[in-house]
Protein backbone atom coordinates (compact mmCIF):
# COMPACT_ATOMS: atom_id res chain seq x y z
CA UNK A 1 -4.47 4.42 -14.08
CA UNK A 2 -7.13 2.26 -16.15
CA UNK A 3 -4.18 -0.31 -16.97
CA UNK A 4 -3.46 -0.72 -13.40
CA UNK A 5 -7.24 -1.54 -12.61
CA UNK A 6 -7.13 -4.18 -15.31
CA UNK A 7 -4.16 -5.69 -14.38
CA UNK A 8 -5.53 -6.55 -10.87
CA UNK A 9 -8.52 -8.23 -12.76
CA UNK A 10 -6.01 -10.20 -14.79
CA UNK A 11 -4.03 -11.39 -11.76
CA UNK A 12 -7.19 -12.69 -9.99
CA UNK A 13 -8.07 -14.49 -13.55
CA UNK A 14 -4.94 -15.92 -13.59
CA UNK A 15 -5.16 -17.28 -10.21
CA UNK A 16 -8.57 -18.49 -10.79
CA UNK A 17 -7.64 -20.77 -13.48
CA UNK A 18 -4.29 -21.92 -11.96
CA UNK A 19 -6.52 -23.04 -9.08
CA UNK A 20 -8.37 -25.36 -11.70
CA UNK A 21 -5.38 -27.17 -13.21
CA UNK A 22 -1.92 -25.82 -13.94
CA UNK A 23 -1.88 -23.10 -16.82
CA UNK A 24 0.86 -21.65 -19.42
CA UNK A 25 1.27 -18.28 -21.07
CA UNK A 26 -0.30 -18.71 -24.33
CA UNK A 27 -3.26 -20.46 -23.15
CA UNK A 28 -3.80 -17.57 -20.84
CA UNK A 29 -3.29 -15.06 -23.27
CA UNK A 30 -6.21 -16.59 -25.25
CA UNK A 31 -8.53 -17.21 -22.53
CA UNK A 32 -7.85 -13.60 -21.59
CA UNK A 33 -8.63 -12.48 -24.95
CA UNK A 34 -12.03 -14.43 -24.79
CA UNK A 35 -12.97 -11.91 -21.84
CA UNK A 36 -11.67 -8.60 -23.94
CA UNK A 37 -8.20 -8.42 -22.49
CA UNK A 38 -5.31 -8.02 -25.17
CA UNK A 39 -2.29 -8.98 -23.39
CA UNK A 40 1.09 -9.43 -25.05
CA UNK A 41 3.39 -11.86 -23.90
CA UNK A 42 5.70 -8.87 -22.78
CA UNK A 43 2.71 -7.99 -20.30
CA UNK A 44 1.84 -11.45 -19.42
CA UNK A 45 5.06 -13.13 -18.79
CA UNK A 46 6.31 -10.59 -16.24
CA UNK A 47 3.03 -11.00 -14.44
CA UNK A 48 3.28 -14.44 -14.12
CA UNK A 49 6.96 -13.99 -12.72
CA UNK A 50 5.85 -11.39 -10.32
CA UNK A 51 2.97 -13.94 -9.12
CA UNK A 52 5.31 -16.63 -8.78
CA UNK A 53 7.98 -14.56 -6.79
CA UNK A 54 5.44 -13.12 -4.46
CA UNK A 55 4.51 -16.85 -3.67
CA UNK A 56 1.16 -17.33 -5.26
CA UNK A 57 1.95 -19.48 -8.20
CA UNK A 58 4.49 -22.34 -8.30
CA UNK A 59 6.39 -23.04 -11.69
CA UNK A 60 6.94 -26.17 -13.55
CA UNK A 61 8.87 -26.46 -16.69
CA UNK A 62 7.89 -29.23 -18.92
CA UNK A 63 8.92 -30.38 -22.37
CA UNK A 64 6.14 -30.09 -24.83
CA UNK A 65 6.86 -30.54 -28.54
CA UNK A 66 10.84 -30.50 -27.72
CA UNK A 67 10.53 -27.06 -26.19
CA UNK A 68 10.41 -26.16 -22.57
CA UNK A 69 6.72 -24.67 -21.50
CA UNK A 70 6.25 -23.26 -17.94
CA UNK A 71 3.17 -24.23 -16.19
CA UNK A 72 1.90 -22.51 -13.10
CA UNK A 73 -0.22 -23.87 -10.51
CA UNK A 74 -1.44 -21.99 -7.63
CA UNK A 75 0.10 -22.32 -4.13
CA UNK A 76 -1.60 -22.32 -0.79
CA UNK A 77 -0.97 -18.39 -0.53
CA UNK A 78 -2.38 -18.01 -3.51
CA UNK A 79 -5.56 -19.92 -2.71
CA UNK A 80 -5.66 -17.51 0.37
CA UNK A 81 -5.53 -14.70 -1.92
CA UNK A 82 -7.95 -15.78 -4.09
CA UNK A 83 -10.47 -16.56 -1.31
CA UNK A 84 -9.86 -13.00 -0.03
CA UNK A 85 -10.27 -11.41 -3.39
CA UNK A 86 -13.32 -13.44 -4.20
CA UNK A 87 -15.05 -11.89 -0.86
CA UNK A 88 -13.96 -8.19 -2.14
CA UNK A 89 -15.38 -8.81 -5.55
CA UNK A 90 -18.53 -10.08 -4.21
CA UNK A 91 -18.69 -7.07 -1.78
CA UNK A 92 -17.91 -4.60 -4.58
CA UNK A 93 -20.31 -6.10 -7.27
CA UNK A 94 -23.10 -5.88 -4.52
CA UNK A 95 -22.49 -2.03 -3.97
CA UNK A 96 -21.26 -0.84 -7.41
CA UNK A 97 -23.43 -3.14 -9.93
CA UNK A 98 -26.43 -3.88 -7.76
CA UNK A 99 -26.54 -0.41 -6.03
CA UNK A 100 -26.70 -1.95 -2.47
CA UNK A 101 -24.72 0.29 -0.05
CA UNK A 102 -24.53 3.86 1.18
CA UNK A 103 -25.79 6.28 -0.85
CA UNK A 104 -23.32 8.72 -0.12
CA UNK A 105 -20.14 8.48 2.28
CA UNK A 106 -20.66 9.90 5.90
CA UNK A 107 -19.13 13.53 6.42
CA UNK A 108 -15.99 13.63 8.64
CA UNK A 109 -16.63 14.54 12.56
CA UNK A 110 -16.72 18.08 13.49
CA UNK A 111 -13.60 17.73 15.78
CA UNK A 112 -10.23 19.74 15.78
CA UNK A 113 -7.66 17.77 13.74
CA UNK A 114 -4.73 16.33 16.12
CA UNK A 115 -1.44 17.96 15.73
CA UNK A 116 1.67 15.93 15.84
CA UNK A 117 3.54 17.57 18.88
CA UNK A 118 6.99 16.61 17.56
CA UNK A 119 6.16 18.70 14.18
CA UNK A 120 5.21 21.92 16.53
CA UNK A 121 8.01 21.80 19.09
CA UNK A 122 11.60 23.19 18.52
């Protein structure tokens, strides 16, 4: 479960950097390591492909030092997702880290649960 949480953070981090300028895998691995994320290429590259396939990143192959390097830029869909993620992050930080928000969740209403008639009719 912990891994899933962190991969979500990593995806947002990738979109953030791709919104600033085109990024490539090894540079992202170094940047993420700086923040305490130890990602292997076997974890990052599928994540980048997934973001590309989902329409959040656009890949451009460039020749660097005689080798092909894949650069990723954010798409308009990626920008929209990043904007929404930033809103959710701000709300979460406000509540979780700053202690602002409800102390406890409300109790459910004292009503009878509705029964799906399709399940009880024979």
